[in-house]
N, C-alpha and C. Protein backbone atom coordinates (compact mmCIF):
# COMPACT_ATOMS: atom_id res chain seq x y z
N MET A 1 -16.97 105.08 -67.82
CA MET A 1 -16.88 103.46 -67.31
C MET A 1 -18.54 103.33 -66.15
N LEU A 2 -18.67 104.07 -65.60
CA LEU A 2 -19.95 103.82 -64.27
C LEU A 2 -20.98 104.51 -65.00
N PRO A 3 -22.22 103.52 -64.26
CA PRO A 3 -22.51 102.77 -63.98
C PRO A 3 -22.21 101.27 -64.41
N LEU A 4 -21.90 100.24 -64.18
CA LEU A 4 -21.41 98.86 -64.88
C LEU A 4 -22.85 98.12 -65.06
N GLU A 5 -23.51 98.08 -66.24
CA GLU A 5 -24.80 97.49 -66.09
C GLU A 5 -24.04 95.71 -66.56
N ALA A 6 -25.30 94.88 -66.25
CA ALA A 6 -24.88 93.47 -66.31
C ALA A 6 -24.31 92.91 -67.58
N ALA A 7 -24.57 93.68 -68.56
CA ALA A 7 -23.54 93.00 -69.97
C ALA A 7 -22.01 93.66 -69.59
N ASP A 8 -21.91 94.29 -68.57
CA ASP A 8 -20.12 94.87 -68.41
C ASP A 8 -19.76 93.64 -67.18
N ILE A 9 -20.58 94.02 -66.23
CA ILE A 9 -20.09 92.93 -65.50
C ILE A 9 -20.10 91.50 -65.67
N VAL A 10 -20.64 90.83 -66.81
CA VAL A 10 -20.62 89.62 -67.45
C VAL A 10 -19.37 89.60 -67.69
N ARG A 11 -18.30 90.62 -68.34
CA ARG A 11 -17.71 90.52 -69.06
C ARG A 11 -16.23 90.24 -68.26
N ILE A 12 -16.62 90.80 -66.40
CA ILE A 12 -15.74 91.10 -65.53
C ILE A 12 -15.59 89.71 -64.75
N ILE A 13 -16.95 89.32 -64.34
CA ILE A 13 -16.75 87.69 -63.56
C ILE A 13 -17.65 86.99 -64.31
N PRO A 14 -17.68 85.32 -64.09
CA PRO A 14 -18.24 84.88 -64.64
C PRO A 14 -19.57 84.00 -64.69
N HIS A 15 -20.19 84.48 -63.72
CA HIS A 15 -21.39 84.34 -63.45
C HIS A 15 -22.46 84.57 -64.46
N ARG A 16 -23.64 84.06 -64.26
CA ARG A 16 -24.57 84.11 -65.75
C ARG A 16 -26.10 83.91 -65.03
N HIS A 17 -26.81 84.50 -65.56
CA HIS A 17 -28.55 84.19 -65.13
C HIS A 17 -28.91 82.64 -65.19
N PRO A 18 -29.34 81.88 -64.21
CA PRO A 18 -30.25 82.69 -63.06
C PRO A 18 -29.16 82.97 -61.77
N PHE A 19 -27.59 82.42 -61.67
CA PHE A 19 -27.03 82.86 -60.50
C PHE A 19 -26.13 84.33 -60.79
N LEU A 20 -26.41 84.91 -61.51
CA LEU A 20 -25.68 86.45 -61.34
C LEU A 20 -26.65 87.60 -59.86
N PHE A 21 -26.14 87.98 -59.53
CA PHE A 21 -26.57 88.85 -58.38
C PHE A 21 -26.34 90.33 -58.47
N VAL A 22 -25.59 90.52 -59.22
CA VAL A 22 -25.45 91.93 -59.19
C VAL A 22 -25.94 92.42 -60.26
N ASP A 23 -26.87 93.49 -60.72
CA ASP A 23 -27.37 94.16 -61.61
C ASP A 23 -26.45 95.57 -62.55
N ARG A 24 -26.29 96.08 -61.34
CA ARG A 24 -25.30 97.43 -61.35
C ARG A 24 -24.43 97.24 -60.54
N VAL A 25 -23.11 97.96 -60.80
CA VAL A 25 -21.99 98.26 -59.99
C VAL A 25 -22.14 99.69 -60.08
N VAL A 26 -22.26 101.08 -59.39
CA VAL A 26 -22.41 102.32 -59.19
C VAL A 26 -21.09 103.12 -58.78
N GLU A 27 -20.23 102.27 -58.08
CA GLU A 27 -18.89 102.61 -57.19
C GLU A 27 -17.74 101.50 -57.64
N LEU A 28 -16.73 102.36 -57.92
CA LEU A 28 -15.61 101.15 -58.48
C LEU A 28 -14.28 101.98 -58.30
N GLU A 29 -13.04 101.02 -57.34
CA GLU A 29 -12.30 101.22 -57.17
C GLU A 29 -11.33 99.96 -57.16
N PRO A 30 -11.05 99.94 -58.90
CA PRO A 30 -10.62 98.80 -58.88
C PRO A 30 -9.25 98.14 -57.51
N GLY A 31 -10.04 97.05 -56.98
CA GLY A 31 -8.83 96.78 -56.22
C GLY A 31 -8.91 96.75 -54.33
N ARG A 32 -9.60 97.84 -54.45
CA ARG A 32 -9.92 98.31 -53.06
C ARG A 32 -11.56 98.26 -52.59
N ARG A 33 -12.63 99.14 -53.26
CA ARG A 33 -13.74 98.69 -52.96
C ARG A 33 -14.64 99.04 -54.49
N ALA A 34 -16.08 98.27 -54.19
CA ALA A 34 -17.12 98.57 -54.99
C ALA A 34 -18.66 98.60 -54.66
N VAL A 35 -19.26 99.11 -54.86
CA VAL A 35 -20.96 99.45 -54.64
C VAL A 35 -21.58 98.52 -55.64
N GLY A 36 -22.40 97.65 -55.49
CA GLY A 36 -23.15 96.64 -56.47
C GLY A 36 -24.42 97.03 -56.10
N LEU A 37 -25.60 96.88 -56.82
CA LEU A 37 -27.02 96.88 -56.59
C LEU A 37 -27.89 95.75 -57.08
N LYS A 38 -28.85 95.11 -56.88
CA LYS A 38 -29.71 93.94 -56.90
C LYS A 38 -30.82 94.17 -56.65
N ALA A 39 -31.33 94.33 -57.84
CA ALA A 39 -32.98 94.59 -57.83
C ALA A 39 -33.52 93.00 -57.67
N VAL A 40 -34.29 92.78 -56.55
CA VAL A 40 -35.15 91.40 -56.10
C VAL A 40 -36.16 91.65 -56.54
N THR A 41 -36.70 90.76 -57.53
CA THR A 41 -38.14 90.55 -57.91
C THR A 41 -38.67 89.11 -58.02
N SER A 42 -39.63 89.28 -57.39
CA SER A 42 -40.85 87.93 -57.65
C SER A 42 -40.98 86.83 -58.43
N ILE A 43 -40.07 86.95 -59.77
CA ILE A 43 -39.92 85.85 -60.60
C ILE A 43 -38.72 85.45 -60.45
N GLU A 44 -37.78 85.37 -59.72
CA GLU A 44 -36.38 84.94 -59.41
C GLU A 44 -36.31 83.55 -59.18
N PRO A 45 -36.18 82.65 -59.38
CA PRO A 45 -36.40 81.14 -59.10
C PRO A 45 -36.28 80.41 -58.12
N GLN A 46 -35.32 81.35 -56.71
CA GLN A 46 -35.38 80.92 -55.79
C GLN A 46 -36.52 80.86 -55.06
N PHE A 47 -37.65 81.86 -55.59
CA PHE A 47 -38.88 82.43 -54.37
C PHE A 47 -39.79 80.96 -55.06
N ALA A 48 -39.69 80.20 -55.94
CA ALA A 48 -40.72 79.23 -56.02
C ALA A 48 -40.71 78.08 -54.87
N GLY A 49 -39.85 78.40 -54.10
CA GLY A 49 -39.37 77.38 -53.30
C GLY A 49 -39.30 77.93 -51.60
N HIS A 50 -38.30 79.10 -51.99
CA HIS A 50 -37.99 79.58 -50.79
C HIS A 50 -38.68 80.89 -50.36
N PHE A 51 -39.97 80.87 -49.97
CA PHE A 51 -40.90 80.40 -49.77
C PHE A 51 -42.08 80.80 -50.74
N PRO A 52 -42.96 79.53 -50.92
CA PRO A 52 -43.91 79.88 -52.01
C PRO A 52 -45.07 80.88 -51.59
N GLU A 53 -45.15 81.07 -50.18
CA GLU A 53 -46.18 81.81 -49.72
C GLU A 53 -45.91 82.98 -49.21
N ARG A 54 -44.41 83.31 -48.62
CA ARG A 54 -44.00 84.44 -48.21
C ARG A 54 -42.52 84.43 -48.88
N PRO A 55 -42.03 84.75 -49.91
CA PRO A 55 -41.21 84.77 -50.30
C PRO A 55 -39.65 86.00 -49.56
N ILE A 56 -38.82 85.00 -49.26
CA ILE A 56 -37.56 85.43 -48.61
C ILE A 56 -36.18 85.24 -49.51
N MET A 57 -35.55 86.44 -49.71
CA MET A 57 -33.75 85.86 -50.83
C MET A 57 -33.34 85.06 -49.86
N PRO A 58 -32.53 84.25 -49.89
CA PRO A 58 -31.95 83.18 -48.94
C PRO A 58 -30.67 83.86 -48.76
N GLY A 59 -30.54 83.87 -47.63
CA GLY A 59 -29.11 84.50 -46.68
C GLY A 59 -28.05 83.93 -47.81
N VAL A 60 -27.85 83.13 -48.04
CA VAL A 60 -26.52 82.04 -48.88
C VAL A 60 -26.42 83.02 -50.40
N LEU A 61 -27.69 83.56 -50.70
CA LEU A 61 -27.69 84.57 -51.70
C LEU A 61 -26.94 85.74 -51.64
N MET A 62 -27.48 86.28 -50.83
CA MET A 62 -27.03 87.49 -50.23
C MET A 62 -25.49 87.71 -49.96
N VAL A 63 -25.22 86.38 -49.46
CA VAL A 63 -23.55 86.28 -49.25
C VAL A 63 -23.04 86.37 -50.53
N GLU A 64 -23.55 85.52 -51.46
CA GLU A 64 -23.02 85.23 -52.84
C GLU A 64 -23.04 86.77 -53.68
N ALA A 65 -24.22 87.41 -53.59
CA ALA A 65 -24.10 88.84 -54.02
C ALA A 65 -23.20 89.37 -53.31
N LEU A 66 -22.83 89.50 -52.24
CA LEU A 66 -21.43 90.57 -51.98
C LEU A 66 -19.92 89.60 -52.23
N ALA A 67 -20.19 88.24 -52.61
CA ALA A 67 -18.78 87.85 -53.14
C ALA A 67 -18.61 88.27 -54.63
N GLN A 68 -19.69 88.31 -55.72
CA GLN A 68 -19.78 88.32 -56.52
C GLN A 68 -19.59 90.23 -57.15
N THR A 69 -20.00 90.57 -56.12
CA THR A 69 -19.59 92.50 -56.13
C THR A 69 -17.74 92.45 -55.81
N ALA A 70 -17.20 91.82 -54.95
CA ALA A 70 -16.21 91.76 -54.20
C ALA A 70 -15.13 90.87 -55.72
N GLY A 71 -15.86 90.61 -56.28
CA GLY A 71 -15.16 89.73 -57.92
C GLY A 71 -14.83 90.97 -58.83
N VAL A 72 -15.89 91.93 -59.22
CA VAL A 72 -15.59 93.00 -60.02
C VAL A 72 -14.96 93.95 -59.01
N ALA A 73 -14.41 93.99 -57.85
CA ALA A 73 -13.28 94.57 -57.52
C ALA A 73 -12.15 94.69 -58.15
N ILE A 74 -12.15 93.18 -57.73
CA ILE A 74 -10.87 92.42 -57.91
C ILE A 74 -10.21 92.28 -59.04
N MET A 75 -11.29 91.58 -59.87
CA MET A 75 -11.35 90.80 -60.94
C MET A 75 -10.91 92.55 -62.13
N THR A 76 -10.96 93.41 -61.70
CA THR A 76 -10.68 94.77 -62.47
C THR A 76 -9.22 95.19 -62.82
N LEU A 77 -8.86 94.70 -61.87
CA LEU A 77 -7.42 94.91 -61.49
C LEU A 77 -6.32 93.88 -62.92
N GLU A 78 -5.80 94.68 -63.61
CA GLU A 78 -5.05 94.06 -64.59
C GLU A 78 -4.54 92.63 -64.14
N ALA A 79 -4.07 92.71 -63.00
CA ALA A 79 -3.40 90.78 -62.92
C ALA A 79 -4.48 89.96 -62.64
N TYR A 80 -5.22 90.50 -62.55
CA TYR A 80 -6.34 89.58 -62.20
C TYR A 80 -7.62 89.48 -63.34
N ARG A 81 -7.74 89.60 -64.30
CA ARG A 81 -8.59 89.91 -64.91
C ARG A 81 -8.23 88.33 -66.09
N GLY A 82 -9.85 87.75 -66.19
CA GLY A 82 -9.87 86.74 -66.65
C GLY A 82 -9.76 85.59 -65.60
N LYS A 83 -9.18 86.00 -64.01
CA LYS A 83 -9.26 84.84 -63.23
C LYS A 83 -10.42 84.45 -62.73
N LEU A 84 -10.24 83.74 -62.14
CA LEU A 84 -11.82 82.63 -61.44
C LEU A 84 -11.53 82.99 -59.86
N GLY A 85 -12.71 83.95 -59.38
CA GLY A 85 -12.34 83.71 -57.23
C GLY A 85 -13.10 82.56 -57.08
N LEU A 86 -12.93 82.32 -55.82
CA LEU A 86 -13.40 81.09 -55.21
C LEU A 86 -13.69 81.62 -53.91
N PHE A 87 -14.68 80.87 -53.09
CA PHE A 87 -14.90 81.18 -51.57
C PHE A 87 -14.20 80.01 -50.99
N ALA A 88 -13.12 80.74 -50.23
CA ALA A 88 -12.13 79.90 -48.94
C ALA A 88 -12.79 79.89 -47.91
N GLY A 89 -13.58 81.18 -47.31
CA GLY A 89 -14.01 80.94 -46.15
C GLY A 89 -14.95 82.19 -46.19
N ILE A 90 -16.16 82.16 -44.73
CA ILE A 90 -16.71 83.12 -44.04
C ILE A 90 -16.79 83.51 -43.08
N ASP A 91 -16.57 84.35 -42.79
CA ASP A 91 -16.22 84.75 -41.16
C ASP A 91 -17.17 86.26 -40.86
N ASP A 92 -17.72 85.97 -39.57
CA ASP A 92 -18.33 86.78 -38.85
C ASP A 92 -19.48 87.29 -39.49
N CYS A 93 -20.20 86.36 -39.86
CA CYS A 93 -21.12 86.62 -41.04
C CYS A 93 -22.59 87.05 -39.82
N ARG A 94 -23.80 87.36 -40.36
CA ARG A 94 -24.67 88.13 -39.08
C ARG A 94 -25.86 88.67 -40.38
N PHE A 95 -26.99 87.75 -40.28
CA PHE A 95 -28.08 88.27 -40.96
C PHE A 95 -28.66 89.12 -40.61
N ARG A 96 -29.31 90.31 -40.30
CA ARG A 96 -29.88 91.51 -39.83
C ARG A 96 -31.74 91.69 -40.28
N ARG A 97 -31.96 91.48 -41.69
CA ARG A 97 -32.70 91.55 -42.25
C ARG A 97 -33.33 90.66 -43.21
N MET A 98 -34.09 90.71 -43.38
CA MET A 98 -35.04 89.97 -44.45
C MET A 98 -34.85 90.56 -45.66
N VAL A 99 -34.62 89.89 -46.63
CA VAL A 99 -34.95 90.70 -48.01
C VAL A 99 -36.26 89.75 -48.90
N ILE A 100 -37.11 91.00 -49.18
CA ILE A 100 -37.98 90.35 -50.34
C ILE A 100 -38.24 91.09 -51.49
N PRO A 101 -39.09 90.60 -52.35
CA PRO A 101 -39.29 90.99 -53.29
C PRO A 101 -39.95 92.07 -53.58
N GLY A 102 -39.31 93.37 -54.24
CA GLY A 102 -39.45 94.88 -54.16
C GLY A 102 -38.39 95.57 -53.44
N ASP A 103 -37.26 94.45 -52.98
CA ASP A 103 -36.43 95.41 -52.13
C ASP A 103 -34.91 95.45 -53.26
N MET A 104 -34.47 96.78 -53.28
CA MET A 104 -33.29 97.04 -53.78
C MET A 104 -32.11 96.79 -52.93
N LEU A 105 -31.07 95.57 -53.23
CA LEU A 105 -30.50 95.18 -52.14
C LEU A 105 -28.82 95.81 -52.95
N ARG A 106 -28.20 96.85 -52.20
CA ARG A 106 -26.89 97.24 -51.88
C ARG A 106 -26.08 96.34 -51.14
N MET A 107 -25.09 96.48 -52.30
CA MET A 107 -23.80 95.47 -51.71
C MET A 107 -22.66 96.36 -51.81
N GLU A 108 -22.14 96.72 -50.48
CA GLU A 108 -20.84 97.53 -50.51
C GLU A 108 -19.44 96.53 -50.06
N VAL A 109 -18.29 96.75 -50.37
CA VAL A 109 -17.57 95.57 -50.43
C VAL A 109 -15.94 96.69 -50.37
N THR A 110 -15.32 96.14 -49.55
CA THR A 110 -13.87 96.59 -49.63
C THR A 110 -13.10 95.73 -49.05
N VAL A 111 -11.97 95.95 -50.24
CA VAL A 111 -10.96 94.86 -50.09
C VAL A 111 -10.11 94.88 -48.85
N GLU A 112 -9.85 94.20 -47.59
CA GLU A 112 -9.18 94.57 -46.71
C GLU A 112 -7.75 93.84 -47.25
N LYS A 113 -7.40 93.16 -47.83
CA LYS A 113 -6.17 92.48 -47.92
C LYS A 113 -6.19 91.48 -49.28
N LEU A 114 -5.55 91.99 -50.41
CA LEU A 114 -4.88 91.37 -51.54
C LEU A 114 -3.82 90.88 -51.63
N ARG A 115 -3.27 89.67 -51.82
CA ARG A 115 -1.84 89.56 -51.81
C ARG A 115 -1.76 88.00 -52.66
N GLY A 116 -1.00 88.16 -53.63
CA GLY A 116 -1.13 86.79 -54.57
C GLY A 116 -2.20 85.99 -55.07
N ILE A 117 -2.59 85.12 -54.52
CA ILE A 117 -4.12 84.19 -54.69
C ILE A 117 -5.47 84.53 -53.35
N PHE A 118 -4.69 85.28 -52.55
CA PHE A 118 -5.52 85.37 -51.33
C PHE A 118 -6.54 86.65 -51.16
N ALA A 119 -7.64 87.11 -50.74
CA ALA A 119 -8.28 88.20 -50.90
C ALA A 119 -9.06 88.28 -49.52
N ARG A 120 -9.00 89.03 -49.36
CA ARG A 120 -10.07 89.27 -47.38
C ARG A 120 -10.84 90.43 -47.98
N VAL A 121 -12.12 90.62 -47.74
CA VAL A 121 -12.53 91.29 -48.02
C VAL A 121 -14.06 91.31 -47.29
N ARG A 122 -14.29 92.27 -46.63
CA ARG A 122 -15.58 93.03 -46.06
C ARG A 122 -17.02 93.37 -46.38
N GLY A 123 -17.52 92.71 -46.62
CA GLY A 123 -18.78 93.15 -47.20
C GLY A 123 -20.28 93.82 -46.46
N VAL A 124 -20.75 94.43 -46.82
CA VAL A 124 -22.57 94.70 -46.27
C VAL A 124 -23.22 94.99 -47.09
N ALA A 125 -24.36 94.50 -47.15
CA ALA A 125 -25.75 94.85 -47.76
C ALA A 125 -26.64 95.09 -47.23
N SER A 126 -27.20 95.95 -47.94
CA SER A 126 -28.51 97.12 -47.03
C SER A 126 -29.64 97.18 -48.24
N VAL A 127 -30.79 96.87 -47.19
CA VAL A 127 -31.82 97.78 -48.10
C VAL A 127 -32.43 99.25 -47.61
N GLU A 128 -32.42 100.03 -48.03
CA GLU A 128 -32.73 101.47 -47.56
C GLU A 128 -32.00 101.88 -46.58
N GLY A 129 -30.66 101.21 -46.49
CA GLY A 129 -29.81 102.02 -45.29
C GLY A 129 -30.15 101.23 -44.03
N GLU A 130 -30.70 99.73 -44.23
CA GLU A 130 -30.52 99.12 -42.78
C GLU A 130 -30.13 97.95 -43.58
N VAL A 131 -29.36 97.56 -42.55
CA VAL A 131 -28.42 96.34 -42.74
C VAL A 131 -29.26 94.80 -42.86
N ALA A 132 -28.86 94.48 -44.22
CA ALA A 132 -29.44 93.00 -43.94
C ALA A 132 -28.53 91.59 -43.74
N VAL A 133 -27.16 92.16 -44.26
CA VAL A 133 -26.15 91.16 -43.96
C VAL A 133 -24.68 92.00 -44.00
N GLU A 134 -24.07 90.99 -43.27
CA GLU A 134 -22.61 91.90 -43.36
C GLU A 134 -21.99 90.18 -43.19
N ALA A 135 -20.24 90.10 -43.82
CA ALA A 135 -19.51 89.31 -43.46
C ALA A 135 -18.16 89.79 -44.09
N THR A 136 -17.00 88.83 -43.55
CA THR A 136 -15.94 88.85 -44.30
C THR A 136 -16.12 87.50 -45.33
N LEU A 137 -15.61 88.09 -45.93
CA LEU A 137 -15.03 86.80 -47.09
C LEU A 137 -13.62 86.47 -47.35
N THR A 138 -13.02 85.72 -47.33
CA THR A 138 -11.80 84.91 -47.67
C THR A 138 -12.16 84.48 -49.53
N ILE A 139 -11.26 84.77 -50.15
CA ILE A 139 -11.46 84.32 -51.82
C ILE A 139 -10.13 84.17 -51.94
N VAL A 140 -10.21 82.92 -52.88
CA VAL A 140 -8.70 82.21 -53.23
C VAL A 140 -8.99 82.54 -54.94
N ILE A 141 -7.82 83.25 -55.56
CA ILE A 141 -7.87 82.91 -56.87
C ILE A 141 -6.86 82.25 -57.52
N PRO A 142 -6.95 80.93 -57.80
CA PRO A 142 -6.42 79.72 -58.16
C PRO A 142 -5.72 80.16 -59.58
N ARG A 143 -4.27 79.90 -59.56
CA ARG A 143 -3.95 80.15 -60.68
C ARG A 143 -4.34 79.32 -62.05
N GLU A 144 -4.31 77.96 -61.96
CA GLU A 144 -4.53 77.57 -62.70
C GLU A 144 -5.72 76.58 -61.74
N LEU A 145 -6.95 75.98 -62.41
CA LEU A 145 -8.07 75.10 -62.08
C LEU A 145 -7.81 73.64 -62.72
N THR A 146 -7.34 72.78 -61.62
CA THR A 146 -7.68 71.62 -62.18
C THR A 146 -8.50 70.73 -62.11
């Protein structure tokens, strides 16, 4: 089953190019934890404006990469397959390092609580062992979207 490649990931979460920020999942314990990888390349659309002379991955996209990795961890549980996870909150978010083209971003997420339609997930993204961002995410998985 592992690693999961992009073709596998898009069967689990609804994100698509250019807004898919997990290239591979290399570790997975459904409902508990996951480790994803994102190869940051210079041809990604965000770098046309952030910043043309000095491309830096926007912090919100690093957090999004954590959330998508969390989505893989949660949505691989039978009870949540085919569901949509949405941000409900971000706590204790700290940006520690810039991420630039050529970096391999490693997203590690641990599901701290999963009850009904709510999940609380701790995530750390790093490059070569150096923390780039860490945050606690609250995710809601609505029964139905209205």
